[in-house]
Every structure is written in structure tokens, then in C-alpha cells.
Amino acid sequence: MKKCKYCGKGINDNLEFCQDECKNKYVKMLEKDSPKIKYFTFGIILGSLMMFWGVFSGSSLKTGFGIVLMGITVVLLPFTTPETIAVLGYQRSKLMGRFLGILLIIVGIWTSIP
């Protein structure tokens, strides 16, 4: 059974959205999110570099800070893959992204504790 791209409700095989309201909201969210992708990419790259710097220098604090930075980026900008959106819908996939971002923050804090 196919699901609505926005809310994740079950729909007919020939449709992408359960109603026009979901389609309009989905289009608005995509337009709103598109300019923010560069900030997401920057935050993930910066967090990854900080994490690797901490690993190679042997500093658990720097490693943890890098992971926390990536977690904050994911919480603020919870972009998910098209496959995740197809399974969960846009709303639930953003919620799942934020949840995983919070887990990253927790892991980063746990990692930075000596």
C-alpha cells in the first residue's frame, strides 16, 4: 500500500498525496527547506572535521563536541532521505530526524566524559 508523502496515511496506488492540503503543505515545506540545505551540509562537515580532529589528537572532549555539533545540526535542520519520507511521510520523517539528532547529542555528551 502506498502512503501520502506528507502525512504518511495509506492512499491509492495512483496518488502521491491523500488530499490537496497535504500536497500544498508538502510543496511549501520543500520550498522553505531548499535554501537551508547548505547550512545543514556545513554543520555536518564541521562536526565531522571536529570529531576526526578529536579522534586523531586523542581528545575525547573534541570528539564529543563534534558529535554534539552534528546532533544540533540535525535537530535544527532534520532533513531525511526520500526513502524515509516514502515510508514515514514528511512530518514523521522530520520527527524521526529530530529524535535521532537528540540521540547524537546524548552520545556526544557521553563521549566527551572522561
C-alpha atoms as a PDB file:
ATOM      1  CA  MET A   1       0.000   0.000   0.000  1.00  0.00           C
ATOM      2  CA  LYS A   2       1.328   3.422  -0.972  1.00  0.00           C
ATOM      3  CA  LYS A   3       1.461   6.259   1.577  1.00  0.00           C
ATOM      4  CA  CYS A   4       0.891  10.005   1.398  1.00  0.00           C
ATOM      5  CA  LYS A   5       4.215  11.843   1.000  1.00  0.00           C
ATOM      6  CA  TYR A   6       3.261  14.435   3.606  1.00  0.00           C
ATOM      7  CA  CYS A   7       1.268  12.792   6.397  1.00  0.00           C
ATOM      8  CA  GLY A   8       2.028   9.093   5.794  1.00  0.00           C
ATOM      9  CA  LYS A   9      -1.594   7.883   5.578  1.00  0.00           C
ATOM     10  CA  GLY A  10      -2.408   4.996   3.265  1.00  0.00           C
ATOM     11  CA  ILE A  11      -3.627   6.020  -0.211  1.00  0.00           C
ATOM     12  CA  ASN A  12      -4.473   4.544  -3.621  1.00  0.00           C
ATOM     13  CA  ASP A  13      -1.583   3.413  -5.802  1.00  0.00           C
ATOM     14  CA  ASN A  14      -2.088   6.135  -8.408  1.00  0.00           C
ATOM     15  CA  LEU A  15      -1.920   9.083  -5.960  1.00  0.00           C
ATOM     16  CA  GLU A  16       1.005  10.714  -4.142  1.00  0.00           C
ATOM     17  CA  PHE A  17      -1.000  12.652  -1.524  1.00  0.00           C
ATOM     18  CA  CYS A  18      -4.172  11.855   0.406  1.00  0.00           C
ATOM     19  CA  GLN A  19      -5.635  15.337  -0.186  1.00  0.00           C
ATOM     20  CA  ASP A  20      -4.769  18.632  -1.850  1.00  0.00           C
ATOM     21  CA  GLU A  21      -3.991  20.222   1.518  1.00  0.00           C
ATOM     22  CA  CYS A  22      -1.194  17.691   2.096  1.00  0.00           C
ATOM     23  CA  LYS A  23       0.202  18.379  -1.377  1.00  0.00           C
ATOM     24  CA  ASN A  24       0.192  22.151  -0.771  1.00  0.00           C
ATOM     25  CA  LYS A  25       1.884  21.773   2.618  1.00  0.00           C
ATOM     26  CA  TYR A  26       4.495  19.419   1.135  1.00  0.00           C
ATOM     27  CA  VAL A  27       5.344  21.861  -1.667  1.00  0.00           C
ATOM     28  CA  LYS A  28       5.577  24.780   0.791  1.00  0.00           C
ATOM     29  CA  MET A  29       7.882  22.825   3.098  1.00  0.00           C
ATOM     30  CA  LEU A  30      10.150  21.808   0.222  1.00  0.00           C
ATOM     31  CA  GLU A  31      10.412  25.433  -0.916  1.00  0.00           C
ATOM     32  CA  LYS A  32      11.138  26.516   2.660  1.00  0.00           C
ATOM     33  CA  ASP A  33      13.750  23.793   3.254  1.00  0.00           C
ATOM     34  CA  SER A  34      15.697  24.047  -0.007  1.00  0.00           C
ATOM     35  CA  PRO A  35      17.780  27.134   0.916  1.00  0.00           C
ATOM     36  CA  LYS A  36      18.691  25.591   4.294  1.00  0.00           C
ATOM     37  CA  ILE A  37      20.470  22.559   2.825  1.00  0.00           C
ATOM     38  CA  LYS A  38      23.769  24.469   2.614  1.00  0.00           C
ATOM     39  CA  TYR A  39      23.646  25.179   6.369  1.00  0.00           C
ATOM     40  CA  PHE A  40      22.891  21.526   7.087  1.00  0.00           C
ATOM     41  CA  THR A  41      25.834  20.428   4.944  1.00  0.00           C
ATOM     42  CA  PHE A  42      28.140  22.962   6.597  1.00  0.00           C
ATOM     43  CA  GLY A  43      27.130  21.847  10.111  1.00  0.00           C
ATOM     44  CA  ILE A  44      27.618  18.153   9.345  1.00  0.00           C
ATOM     45  CA  ILE A  45      31.018  18.738   7.687  1.00  0.00           C
ATOM     46  CA  LEU A  46      32.199  20.998  10.515  1.00  0.00           C
ATOM     47  CA  GLY A  47      31.051  18.478  13.151  1.00  0.00           C
ATOM     48  CA  SER A  48      32.728  15.611  11.277  1.00  0.00           C
ATOM     49  CA  LEU A  49      36.013  17.527  10.999  1.00  0.00           C
ATOM     50  CA  MET A  50      35.893  18.389  14.703  1.00  0.00           C
ATOM     51  CA  MET A  51      35.142  14.765  15.571  1.00  0.00           C
ATOM     52  CA  PHE A  52      38.033  13.428  13.449  1.00  0.00           C
ATOM     53  CA  TRP A  53      40.370  16.073  14.864  1.00  0.00           C
ATOM     54  CA  GLY A  54      39.447  14.887  18.351  1.00  0.00           C
ATOM     55  CA  VAL A  55      39.978  11.224  17.420  1.00  0.00           C
ATOM     56  CA  PHE A  56      43.408  11.853  15.908  1.00  0.00           C
ATOM     57  CA  SER A  57      44.536  14.156  18.720  1.00  0.00           C
ATOM     58  CA  GLY A  58      43.239  11.772  21.385  1.00  0.00           C
ATOM     59  CA  SER A  59      40.869  14.341  22.884  1.00  0.00           C
ATOM     60  CA  SER A  60      37.515  12.890  23.869  1.00  0.00           C
ATOM     61  CA  LEU A  61      36.220  16.416  24.537  1.00  0.00           C
ATOM     62  CA  LYS A  62      36.813  17.497  20.918  1.00  0.00           C
ATOM     63  CA  THR A  63      35.334  14.250  19.615  1.00  0.00           C
ATOM     64  CA  GLY A  64      32.242  14.678  21.764  1.00  0.00           C
ATOM     65  CA  PHE A  65      31.886  18.320  20.748  1.00  0.00           C
ATOM     66  CA  GLY A  66      31.950  17.316  17.075  1.00  0.00           C
ATOM     67  CA  ILE A  67      29.213  14.752  17.634  1.00  0.00           C
ATOM     68  CA  VAL A  68      27.143  17.266  19.623  1.00  0.00           C
ATOM     69  CA  LEU A  69      27.563  19.807  16.806  1.00  0.00           C
ATOM     70  CA  MET A  70      26.261  17.279  14.281  1.00  0.00           C
ATOM     71  CA  GLY A  71      23.356  16.469  16.618  1.00  0.00           C
ATOM     72  CA  ILE A  72      22.418  20.129  16.980  1.00  0.00           C
ATOM     73  CA  THR A  73      22.534  20.498  13.209  1.00  0.00           C
ATOM     74  CA  VAL A  74      20.198  17.519  12.746  1.00  0.00           C
ATOM     75  CA  VAL A  75      17.789  18.750  15.432  1.00  0.00           C
ATOM     76  CA  LEU A  76      17.578  22.229  13.907  1.00  0.00           C
ATOM     77  CA  LEU A  77      17.529  21.039  10.274  1.00  0.00           C
ATOM     78  CA  PRO A  78      16.096  17.494  10.254  1.00  0.00           C
ATOM     79  CA  PHE A  79      16.496  16.580   6.580  1.00  0.00           C
ATOM     80  CA  THR A  80      15.802  12.945   5.782  1.00  0.00           C
ATOM     81  CA  THR A  81      16.192  10.759   2.716  1.00  0.00           C
ATOM     82  CA  PRO A  82      13.449  10.348   0.104  1.00  0.00           C
ATOM     83  CA  GLU A  83      13.207   6.680   1.112  1.00  0.00           C
ATOM     84  CA  THR A  84      12.445   7.651   4.717  1.00  0.00           C
ATOM     85  CA  ILE A  85       9.816  10.119   3.514  1.00  0.00           C
ATOM     86  CA  ALA A  86       8.256   7.381   1.350  1.00  0.00           C
ATOM     87  CA  VAL A  87       7.944   5.065   4.359  1.00  0.00           C
ATOM     88  CA  LEU A  88       7.011   7.522   7.129  1.00  0.00           C
ATOM     89  CA  GLY A  89       5.740  10.631   5.355  1.00  0.00           C
ATOM     90  CA  TYR A  90       7.317  14.081   5.545  1.00  0.00           C
ATOM     91  CA  GLN A  91       6.013  15.004   9.014  1.00  0.00           C
ATOM     92  CA  ARG A  92       7.028  11.762  10.723  1.00  0.00           C
ATOM     93  CA  SER A  93      10.400  11.671   8.974  1.00  0.00           C
ATOM     94  CA  LYS A  94      11.216  15.152  10.337  1.00  0.00           C
ATOM     95  CA  LEU A  95      10.194  13.981  13.804  1.00  0.00           C
ATOM     96  CA  MET A  96      12.395  10.900  13.426  1.00  0.00           C
ATOM     97  CA  GLY A  97      15.280  13.117  12.273  1.00  0.00           C
ATOM     98  CA  ARG A  98      14.930  15.316  15.347  1.00  0.00           C
ATOM     99  CA  PHE A  99      14.794  12.257  17.611  1.00  0.00           C
ATOM    100  CA  LEU A 100      17.996  10.897  16.051  1.00  0.00           C
ATOM    101  CA  GLY A 101      19.605  14.341  16.430  1.00  0.00           C
ATOM    102  CA  ILE A 102      18.815  14.272  20.149  1.00  0.00           C
ATOM    103  CA  LEU A 103      20.408  10.829  20.341  1.00  0.00           C
ATOM    104  CA  LEU A 104      23.518  12.237  18.650  1.00  0.00           C
ATOM    105  CA  ILE A 105      23.690  14.998  21.256  1.00  0.00           C
ATOM    106  CA  ILE A 106      23.400  12.439  24.069  1.00  0.00           C
ATOM    107  CA  VAL A 107      26.123  10.255  22.504  1.00  0.00           C
ATOM    108  CA  GLY A 108      28.344  13.314  22.079  1.00  0.00           C
ATOM    109  CA  ILE A 109      27.949  14.289  25.719  1.00  0.00           C
ATOM    110  CA  TRP A 110      28.580  10.685  26.782  1.00  0.00           C
ATOM    111  CA  THR A 111      31.676  10.508  24.576  1.00  0.00           C
ATOM    112  CA  SER A 112      33.184  13.700  25.978  1.00  0.00           C
ATOM    113  CA  ILE A 113      33.008  12.480  29.586  1.00  0.00           C
ATOM    114  CA  PRO A 114      36.482  11.198  30.529  1.00  0.00           C
END
